[in-house]
Amino acid sequence: MTGPRVVNDCGIDHGPPALALDPADLHTLSQAASLSLFVGRLNTAIEVREYVAARDPMNANNHGLLGWYYLRAGRLDEAIASSRASLKLTPNAISTHFDIGVAMLHKGDRKAALAVMQQEPSKIWRQAGLALAYHALGQASASDAALAELIRKHEKHFSSRIAWVFAYRGDADGAFEWLNKAVAYHDPDVVNFPNELLLRNLHDDPRWLPFLRKIGKAPEQLAAIQFELKLPQR
């Protein structure tokens, strides 16, 4: 196996050498999955994460991340299954109930989504989930209250997720306001915006591609990155 090679527009090679030394090292492969997602290769990221999860089945984090990747690919049933596998190993995993709830919302199972969002152990993720689920159920005041609490208490370190809520609720202006705040606040989740399922309502907005270009994540910018990763033979 050759390790992943990432070459930027200046020709600088950022491919990690660790995989060249040990192509089957699961820790390094896990990092390679994250790198694949970072450069816009979601399908490759999923393939690598599946490989890692299959070979380390008692690692809850592997299942949780795989569920997170499936969710961004719109593979909702697989996202739910992997997230539940993670919860069997770590019942109080943060944001995993949220991911299941988001998948259920996109499957149209709104009441079940609300129930699972209410089980999210992290209050901040629970508030985000409730803002989504209450909106889907037509409970506007409850959704507004949950969103207002997020903004009041967690503006700077949860700005990306606040943008998700605005986008899901169909408020494109609010979503772009918070997307730009996330960039200004150096929110680390900015790198995942192109894959975020909850932002898909924005994809036809004329502001979407210019915003992606501003953060270096437009399709043509990601496609220009030379990247190759091959898994060990199974």
C-alpha atoms as a PDB file:
ATOM      1  CA  MET A   1       0.000   0.000   0.000  1.00  0.00           C
ATOM      2  CA  THR A   2       1.101   3.501  -0.719  1.00  0.00           C
ATOM      3  CA  GLY A   3       0.234   6.098   1.874  1.00  0.00           C
ATOM      4  CA  PRO A   4      -2.123   8.927   1.046  1.00  0.00           C
ATOM      5  CA  ARG A   5      -0.434  11.701  -0.874  1.00  0.00           C
ATOM      6  CA  VAL A   6      -1.831  15.205  -0.647  1.00  0.00           C
ATOM      7  CA  VAL A   7      -0.288  17.875  -2.844  1.00  0.00           C
ATOM      8  CA  ASN A   8      -1.420  21.465  -2.517  1.00  0.00           C
ATOM      9  CA  ASP A   9      -1.511  24.082  -5.262  1.00  0.00           C
ATOM     10  CA  CYS A  10       2.113  24.969  -4.527  1.00  0.00           C
ATOM     11  CA  GLY A  11       3.207  21.420  -5.170  1.00  0.00           C
ATOM     12  CA  ILE A  12       3.982  20.710  -1.520  1.00  0.00           C
ATOM     13  CA  ASP A  13       3.444  17.087  -0.617  1.00  0.00           C
ATOM     14  CA  HIS A  14       1.678  16.540   2.695  1.00  0.00           C
ATOM     15  CA  GLY A  15       1.267  12.775   2.489  1.00  0.00           C
ATOM     16  CA  PRO A  16       1.887  11.155   5.900  1.00  0.00           C
ATOM     17  CA  PRO A  17       4.753   8.659   5.748  1.00  0.00           C
ATOM     18  CA  ALA A  18       3.378   6.468   8.550  1.00  0.00           C
ATOM     19  CA  LEU A  19       1.246   4.328   6.248  1.00  0.00           C
ATOM     20  CA  ALA A  20       4.221   3.627   4.048  1.00  0.00           C
ATOM     21  CA  LEU A  21       5.929   2.151   7.096  1.00  0.00           C
ATOM     22  CA  ASP A  22       2.923   0.153   8.311  1.00  0.00           C
ATOM     23  CA  PRO A  23       0.028   0.091   5.803  1.00  0.00           C
ATOM     24  CA  ALA A  24      -2.271  -1.823   8.167  1.00  0.00           C
ATOM     25  CA  ASP A  25      -1.826   0.339  11.272  1.00  0.00           C
ATOM     26  CA  LEU A  26      -5.369   1.102  12.373  1.00  0.00           C
ATOM     27  CA  HIS A  27      -4.537   4.321  14.184  1.00  0.00           C
ATOM     28  CA  THR A  28      -2.837   5.754  11.124  1.00  0.00           C
ATOM     29  CA  LEU A  29      -5.634   4.526   8.873  1.00  0.00           C
ATOM     30  CA  SER A  30      -8.095   6.298  11.134  1.00  0.00           C
ATOM     31  CA  GLN A  31      -6.154   9.503  10.642  1.00  0.00           C
ATOM     32  CA  ALA A  32      -6.121   8.827   6.901  1.00  0.00           C
ATOM     33  CA  ALA A  33      -9.922   8.563   6.958  1.00  0.00           C
ATOM     34  CA  SER A  34     -10.129  11.994   8.579  1.00  0.00           C
ATOM     35  CA  LEU A  35      -7.692  13.373   6.011  1.00  0.00           C
ATOM     36  CA  SER A  36      -9.794  11.919   3.196  1.00  0.00           C
ATOM     37  CA  LEU A  37     -12.822  13.759   4.509  1.00  0.00           C
ATOM     38  CA  PHE A  38     -10.820  16.965   4.881  1.00  0.00           C
ATOM     39  CA  VAL A  39      -9.882  16.959   1.181  1.00  0.00           C
ATOM     40  CA  GLY A  40     -13.395  16.154   0.023  1.00  0.00           C
ATOM     41  CA  ARG A  41     -13.129  12.402  -0.588  1.00  0.00           C
ATOM     42  CA  LEU A  42     -16.118  11.310   1.461  1.00  0.00           C
ATOM     43  CA  ASN A  43     -16.486   7.913  -0.207  1.00  0.00           C
ATOM     44  CA  THR A  44     -12.824   7.134   0.428  1.00  0.00           C
ATOM     45  CA  ALA A  45     -13.198   8.277   4.032  1.00  0.00           C
ATOM     46  CA  ILE A  46     -16.129   5.883   4.459  1.00  0.00           C
ATOM     47  CA  GLU A  47     -14.230   2.973   2.899  1.00  0.00           C
ATOM     48  CA  VAL A  48     -11.261   3.498   5.204  1.00  0.00           C
ATOM     49  CA  ARG A  49     -13.453   3.982   8.268  1.00  0.00           C
ATOM     50  CA  GLU A  50     -15.359   0.767   7.442  1.00  0.00           C
ATOM     51  CA  TYR A  51     -12.038  -1.061   7.205  1.00  0.00           C
ATOM     52  CA  VAL A  52     -10.928   0.258  10.602  1.00  0.00           C
ATOM     53  CA  ALA A  53     -14.264  -0.396  12.340  1.00  0.00           C
ATOM     54  CA  ALA A  54     -14.397  -3.971  11.038  1.00  0.00           C
ATOM     55  CA  ARG A  55     -10.943  -4.693  12.483  1.00  0.00           C
ATOM     56  CA  ASP A  56     -11.485  -2.944  15.809  1.00  0.00           C
ATOM     57  CA  PRO A  57     -15.161  -3.716  16.511  1.00  0.00           C
ATOM     58  CA  MET A  58     -15.011  -2.947  20.234  1.00  0.00           C
ATOM     59  CA  ASN A  59     -13.900   0.637  19.633  1.00  0.00           C
ATOM     60  CA  ALA A  60     -16.993   2.803  20.076  1.00  0.00           C
ATOM     61  CA  ASN A  61     -15.318   5.817  18.499  1.00  0.00           C
ATOM     62  CA  ASN A  62     -14.806   3.949  15.228  1.00  0.00           C
ATOM     63  CA  HIS A  63     -18.498   3.104  14.996  1.00  0.00           C
ATOM     64  CA  GLY A  64     -19.515   6.615  15.967  1.00  0.00           C
ATOM     65  CA  LEU A  65     -17.301   8.208  13.334  1.00  0.00           C
ATOM     66  CA  LEU A  66     -18.503   5.762  10.716  1.00  0.00           C
ATOM     67  CA  GLY A  67     -22.078   6.706  11.572  1.00  0.00           C
ATOM     68  CA  TRP A  68     -21.125  10.369  11.264  1.00  0.00           C
ATOM     69  CA  TYR A  69     -19.618   9.720   7.813  1.00  0.00           C
ATOM     70  CA  TYR A  70     -22.640   7.723   6.656  1.00  0.00           C
ATOM     71  CA  LEU A  71     -24.890  10.567   7.769  1.00  0.00           C
ATOM     72  CA  ARG A  72     -22.986  13.087   5.660  1.00  0.00           C
ATOM     73  CA  ALA A  73     -23.300  10.740   2.684  1.00  0.00           C
ATOM     74  CA  GLY A  74     -27.059  10.496   3.186  1.00  0.00           C
ATOM     75  CA  ARG A  75     -26.827   6.795   4.016  1.00  0.00           C
ATOM     76  CA  LEU A  76     -29.344   7.164   6.806  1.00  0.00           C
ATOM     77  CA  ASP A  77     -30.062   3.575   7.827  1.00  0.00           C
ATOM     78  CA  GLU A  78     -26.348   2.778   7.956  1.00  0.00           C
ATOM     79  CA  ALA A  79     -25.743   5.948   9.952  1.00  0.00           C
ATOM     80  CA  ILE A  80     -28.314   4.910  12.524  1.00  0.00           C
ATOM     81  CA  ALA A  81     -26.966   1.352  12.747  1.00  0.00           C
ATOM     82  CA  SER A  82     -23.344   2.445  13.227  1.00  0.00           C
ATOM     83  CA  SER A  83     -24.295   5.101  15.765  1.00  0.00           C
ATOM     84  CA  ARG A  84     -26.318   2.575  17.742  1.00  0.00           C
ATOM     85  CA  ALA A  85     -23.369   0.196  17.658  1.00  0.00           C
ATOM     86  CA  SER A  86     -21.295   2.970  19.200  1.00  0.00           C
ATOM     87  CA  LEU A  87     -23.891   3.564  21.915  1.00  0.00           C
ATOM     88  CA  LYS A  88     -23.934  -0.113  22.865  1.00  0.00           C
ATOM     89  CA  LEU A  89     -20.272   0.237  23.757  1.00  0.00           C
ATOM     90  CA  THR A  90     -20.414   3.776  25.165  1.00  0.00           C
ATOM     91  CA  PRO A  91     -24.014   4.696  26.102  1.00  0.00           C
ATOM     92  CA  ASN A  92     -23.146   8.275  27.059  1.00  0.00           C
ATOM     93  CA  ALA A  93     -21.162   9.119  23.919  1.00  0.00           C
ATOM     94  CA  ILE A  94     -21.519  12.814  23.117  1.00  0.00           C
ATOM     95  CA  SER A  95     -23.439  13.814  19.955  1.00  0.00           C
ATOM     96  CA  THR A  96     -24.252  10.226  18.916  1.00  0.00           C
ATOM     97  CA  HIS A  97     -27.916  10.527  19.863  1.00  0.00           C
ATOM     98  CA  PHE A  98     -27.919  13.805  17.953  1.00  0.00           C
ATOM     99  CA  ASP A  99     -26.623  12.046  14.818  1.00  0.00           C
ATOM    100  CA  ILE A 100     -29.296   9.366  15.109  1.00  0.00           C
ATOM    101  CA  GLY A 101     -31.919  12.069  15.536  1.00  0.00           C
ATOM    102  CA  VAL A 102     -30.745  13.917  12.432  1.00  0.00           C
ATOM    103  CA  ALA A 103     -30.934  10.703  10.414  1.00  0.00           C
ATOM    104  CA  MET A 104     -34.453  10.071  11.702  1.00  0.00           C
ATOM    105  CA  LEU A 105     -35.516  13.604  10.786  1.00  0.00           C
ATOM    106  CA  HIS A 106     -34.320  13.058   7.232  1.00  0.00           C
ATOM    107  CA  LYS A 107     -36.194   9.768   7.134  1.00  0.00           C
ATOM    108  CA  GLY A 108     -39.349  11.654   8.139  1.00  0.00           C
ATOM    109  CA  ASP A 109     -39.666  10.017  11.563  1.00  0.00           C
ATOM    110  CA  ARG A 110     -40.083  13.251  13.506  1.00  0.00           C
ATOM    111  CA  LYS A 111     -41.490  11.927  16.784  1.00  0.00           C
ATOM    112  CA  ALA A 112     -38.782   9.288  17.061  1.00  0.00           C
ATOM    113  CA  ALA A 113     -36.196  11.966  16.270  1.00  0.00           C
ATOM    114  CA  LEU A 114     -37.460  14.132  19.129  1.00  0.00           C
ATOM    115  CA  ALA A 115     -37.370  11.182  21.521  1.00  0.00           C
ATOM    116  CA  VAL A 116     -33.776  10.331  20.692  1.00  0.00           C
ATOM    117  CA  MET A 117     -32.675  13.988  20.789  1.00  0.00           C
ATOM    118  CA  GLN A 118     -34.094  14.173  24.321  1.00  0.00           C
ATOM    119  CA  GLN A 119     -31.769  11.314  25.293  1.00  0.00           C
ATOM    120  CA  GLU A 120     -28.626  13.153  24.154  1.00  0.00           C
ATOM    121  CA  PRO A 121     -26.409  13.398  27.285  1.00  0.00           C
ATOM    122  CA  SER A 122     -24.663  16.597  26.206  1.00  0.00           C
ATOM    123  CA  LYS A 123     -26.879  19.582  26.978  1.00  0.00           C
ATOM    124  CA  ILE A 124     -25.469  21.702  24.171  1.00  0.00           C
ATOM    125  CA  TRP A 125     -25.988  18.973  21.554  1.00  0.00           C
ATOM    126  CA  ARG A 126     -29.407  18.238  23.056  1.00  0.00           C
ATOM    127  CA  GLN A 127     -30.445  21.875  22.627  1.00  0.00           C
ATOM    128  CA  ALA A 128     -29.347  21.827  18.986  1.00  0.00           C
ATOM    129  CA  GLY A 129     -31.256  18.604  18.425  1.00  0.00           C
ATOM    130  CA  LEU A 130     -34.387  19.932  20.079  1.00  0.00           C
ATOM    131  CA  ALA A 131     -34.268  23.069  17.925  1.00  0.00           C
ATOM    132  CA  LEU A 132     -34.286  20.818  14.856  1.00  0.00           C
ATOM    133  CA  ALA A 133     -36.868  18.305  16.047  1.00  0.00           C
ATOM    134  CA  TYR A 134     -39.347  20.873  17.385  1.00  0.00           C
ATOM    135  CA  HIS A 135     -39.150  22.726  14.063  1.00  0.00           C
ATOM    136  CA  ALA A 136     -39.863  19.515  12.157  1.00  0.00           C
ATOM    137  CA  LEU A 137     -42.878  18.906  14.399  1.00  0.00           C
ATOM    138  CA  GLY A 138     -44.234  22.407  13.797  1.00  0.00           C
ATOM    139  CA  GLN A 139     -43.546  23.553  17.357  1.00  0.00           C
ATOM    140  CA  ALA A 140     -42.050  26.894  16.388  1.00  0.00           C
ATOM    141  CA  SER A 141     -41.911  28.493  19.842  1.00  0.00           C
ATOM    142  CA  ALA A 142     -40.122  25.494  21.358  1.00  0.00           C
ATOM    143  CA  SER A 143     -37.649  25.442  18.467  1.00  0.00           C
ATOM    144  CA  ASP A 144     -37.046  29.181  18.837  1.00  0.00           C
ATOM    145  CA  ALA A 145     -36.437  28.804  22.570  1.00  0.00           C
ATOM    146  CA  ALA A 146     -33.891  26.019  22.090  1.00  0.00           C
ATOM    147  CA  LEU A 147     -32.087  27.996  19.385  1.00  0.00           C
ATOM    148  CA  ALA A 148     -32.104  31.178  21.472  1.00  0.00           C
ATOM    149  CA  GLU A 149     -30.455  29.327  24.348  1.00  0.00           C
ATOM    150  CA  LEU A 150     -27.768  27.992  22.026  1.00  0.00           C
ATOM    151  CA  ILE A 151     -27.014  31.488  20.765  1.00  0.00           C
ATOM    152  CA  ARG A 152     -27.092  33.059  24.225  1.00  0.00           C
ATOM    153  CA  LYS A 153     -24.794  30.536  25.863  1.00  0.00           C
ATOM    154  CA  HIS A 154     -22.665  29.056  23.090  1.00  0.00           C
ATOM    155  CA  GLU A 155     -22.338  31.558  20.251  1.00  0.00           C
ATOM    156  CA  LYS A 156     -18.595  31.387  19.743  1.00  0.00           C
ATOM    157  CA  HIS A 157     -17.837  27.695  20.159  1.00  0.00           C
ATOM    158  CA  PHE A 158     -21.025  26.288  18.620  1.00  0.00           C
ATOM    159  CA  SER A 159     -21.485  28.696  15.716  1.00  0.00           C
ATOM    160  CA  SER A 160     -21.313  25.989  13.051  1.00  0.00           C
ATOM    161  CA  ARG A 161     -24.125  24.026  14.660  1.00  0.00           C
ATOM    162  CA  ILE A 162     -26.207  27.177  15.036  1.00  0.00           C
ATOM    163  CA  ALA A 163     -25.809  27.653  11.282  1.00  0.00           C
ATOM    164  CA  TRP A 164     -27.027  24.070  10.792  1.00  0.00           C
ATOM    165  CA  VAL A 165     -30.223  24.862  12.682  1.00  0.00           C
ATOM    166  CA  PHE A 166     -30.923  28.004  10.670  1.00  0.00           C
ATOM    167  CA  ALA A 167     -30.315  26.123   7.422  1.00  0.00           C
ATOM    168  CA  TYR A 168     -32.544  23.201   8.386  1.00  0.00           C
ATOM    169  CA  ARG A 169     -35.298  25.629   9.394  1.00  0.00           C
ATOM    170  CA  GLY A 170     -35.135  27.216   5.938  1.00  0.00           C
ATOM    171  CA  ASP A 171     -33.643  30.534   7.067  1.00  0.00           C
ATOM    172  CA  ALA A 172     -30.872  30.945   4.506  1.00  0.00           C
ATOM    173  CA  ASP A 173     -29.989  34.490   5.576  1.00  0.00           C
ATOM    174  CA  GLY A 174     -29.576  33.389   9.175  1.00  0.00           C
ATOM    175  CA  ALA A 175     -27.583  30.357   8.094  1.00  0.00           C
ATOM    176  CA  PHE A 176     -25.090  32.388   6.059  1.00  0.00           C
ATOM    177  CA  GLU A 177     -24.754  34.904   8.886  1.00  0.00           C
ATOM    178  CA  TRP A 178     -23.718  32.075  11.198  1.00  0.00           C
ATOM    179  CA  LEU A 179     -21.551  30.343   8.610  1.00  0.00           C
ATOM    180  CA  ASN A 180     -19.546  33.533   8.362  1.00  0.00           C
ATOM    181  CA  LYS A 181     -19.458  33.858  12.139  1.00  0.00           C
ATOM    182  CA  ALA A 182     -18.099  30.314  12.324  1.00  0.00           C
ATOM    183  CA  VAL A 183     -15.258  31.343  10.022  1.00  0.00           C
ATOM    184  CA  ALA A 184     -14.607  34.484  12.076  1.00  0.00           C
ATOM    185  CA  TYR A 185     -14.611  32.480  15.319  1.00  0.00           C
ATOM    186  CA  HIS A 186     -12.248  29.863  13.835  1.00  0.00           C
ATOM    187  CA  ASP A 187     -14.765  27.099  14.461  1.00  0.00           C
ATOM    188  CA  PRO A 188     -12.922  23.867  13.556  1.00  0.00           C
ATOM    189  CA  ASP A 189     -16.046  22.357  12.007  1.00  0.00           C
ATOM    190  CA  VAL A 190     -15.824  24.822   9.109  1.00  0.00           C
ATOM    191  CA  VAL A 191     -13.735  22.244   7.241  1.00  0.00           C
ATOM    192  CA  ASN A 192     -16.729  19.884   7.149  1.00  0.00           C
ATOM    193  CA  PHE A 193     -19.254  22.326   5.684  1.00  0.00           C
ATOM    194  CA  PRO A 194     -19.208  20.845   2.152  1.00  0.00           C
ATOM    195  CA  ASN A 195     -20.344  17.463   3.502  1.00  0.00           C
ATOM    196  CA  GLU A 196     -22.805  18.623   6.146  1.00  0.00           C
ATOM    197  CA  LEU A 197     -26.248  17.102   5.580  1.00  0.00           C
ATOM    198  CA  LEU A 198     -27.974  19.867   7.549  1.00  0.00           C
ATOM    199  CA  LEU A 199     -26.603  22.497   5.159  1.00  0.00           C
ATOM    200  CA  ARG A 200     -27.969  20.926   1.990  1.00  0.00           C
ATOM    201  CA  ASN A 201     -30.839  23.410   1.914  1.00  0.00           C
ATOM    202  CA  LEU A 202     -28.206  26.013   1.024  1.00  0.00           C
ATOM    203  CA  HIS A 203     -26.656  24.242  -1.948  1.00  0.00           C
ATOM    204  CA  ASP A 204     -28.871  25.994  -4.520  1.00  0.00           C
ATOM    205  CA  ASP A 205     -28.399  29.398  -2.933  1.00  0.00           C
ATOM    206  CA  PRO A 206     -26.185  31.685  -5.080  1.00  0.00           C
ATOM    207  CA  ARG A 207     -24.113  32.478  -2.000  1.00  0.00           C
ATOM    208  CA  TRP A 208     -23.104  28.854  -1.378  1.00  0.00           C
ATOM    209  CA  LEU A 209     -20.318  28.356  -3.923  1.00  0.00           C
ATOM    210  CA  PRO A 210     -18.709  31.762  -3.268  1.00  0.00           C
ATOM    211  CA  PHE A 211     -18.725  30.943   0.432  1.00  0.00           C
ATOM    212  CA  LEU A 212     -17.063  27.571  -0.214  1.00  0.00           C
ATOM    213  CA  ARG A 213     -14.448  29.266  -2.396  1.00  0.00           C
ATOM    214  CA  LYS A 214     -13.738  31.724   0.404  1.00  0.00           C
ATOM    215  CA  ILE A 215     -12.892  28.879   2.768  1.00  0.00           C
ATOM    216  CA  GLY A 216     -11.046  26.848   0.105  1.00  0.00           C
ATOM    217  CA  LYS A 217     -13.671  24.108  -0.039  1.00  0.00           C
ATOM    218  CA  ALA A 218     -15.370  24.609  -3.415  1.00  0.00           C
ATOM    219  CA  PRO A 219     -15.608  21.433  -5.550  1.00  0.00           C
ATOM    220  CA  GLU A 220     -12.985  22.608  -8.038  1.00  0.00           C
ATOM    221  CA  GLN A 221     -10.593  23.533  -5.225  1.00  0.00           C
ATOM    222  CA  LEU A 222     -10.923  20.136  -3.583  1.00  0.00           C
ATOM    223  CA  ALA A 223     -10.685  18.313  -6.920  1.00  0.00           C
ATOM    224  CA  ALA A 224      -7.384  20.075  -7.628  1.00  0.00           C
ATOM    225  CA  ILE A 225      -5.805  18.445  -4.568  1.00  0.00           C
ATOM    226  CA  GLN A 226      -3.884  15.359  -5.643  1.00  0.00           C
ATOM    227  CA  PHE A 227      -4.862  12.604  -3.275  1.00  0.00           C
ATOM    228  CA  GLU A 228      -4.478   8.848  -3.450  1.00  0.00           C
ATOM    229  CA  LEU A 229      -5.141   6.226  -0.811  1.00  0.00           C
ATOM    230  CA  LYS A 230      -5.288   2.465  -1.231  1.00  0.00           C
ATOM    231  CA  LEU A 231      -6.268   0.105   1.526  1.00  0.00           C
ATOM    232  CA  PRO A 232      -4.231  -3.020   2.297  1.00  0.00           C
ATOM    233  CA  GLN A 233      -5.451  -6.135   0.542  1.00  0.00           C
ATOM    234  CA  ARG A 234      -8.155  -7.750   2.635  1.00  0.00           C
END
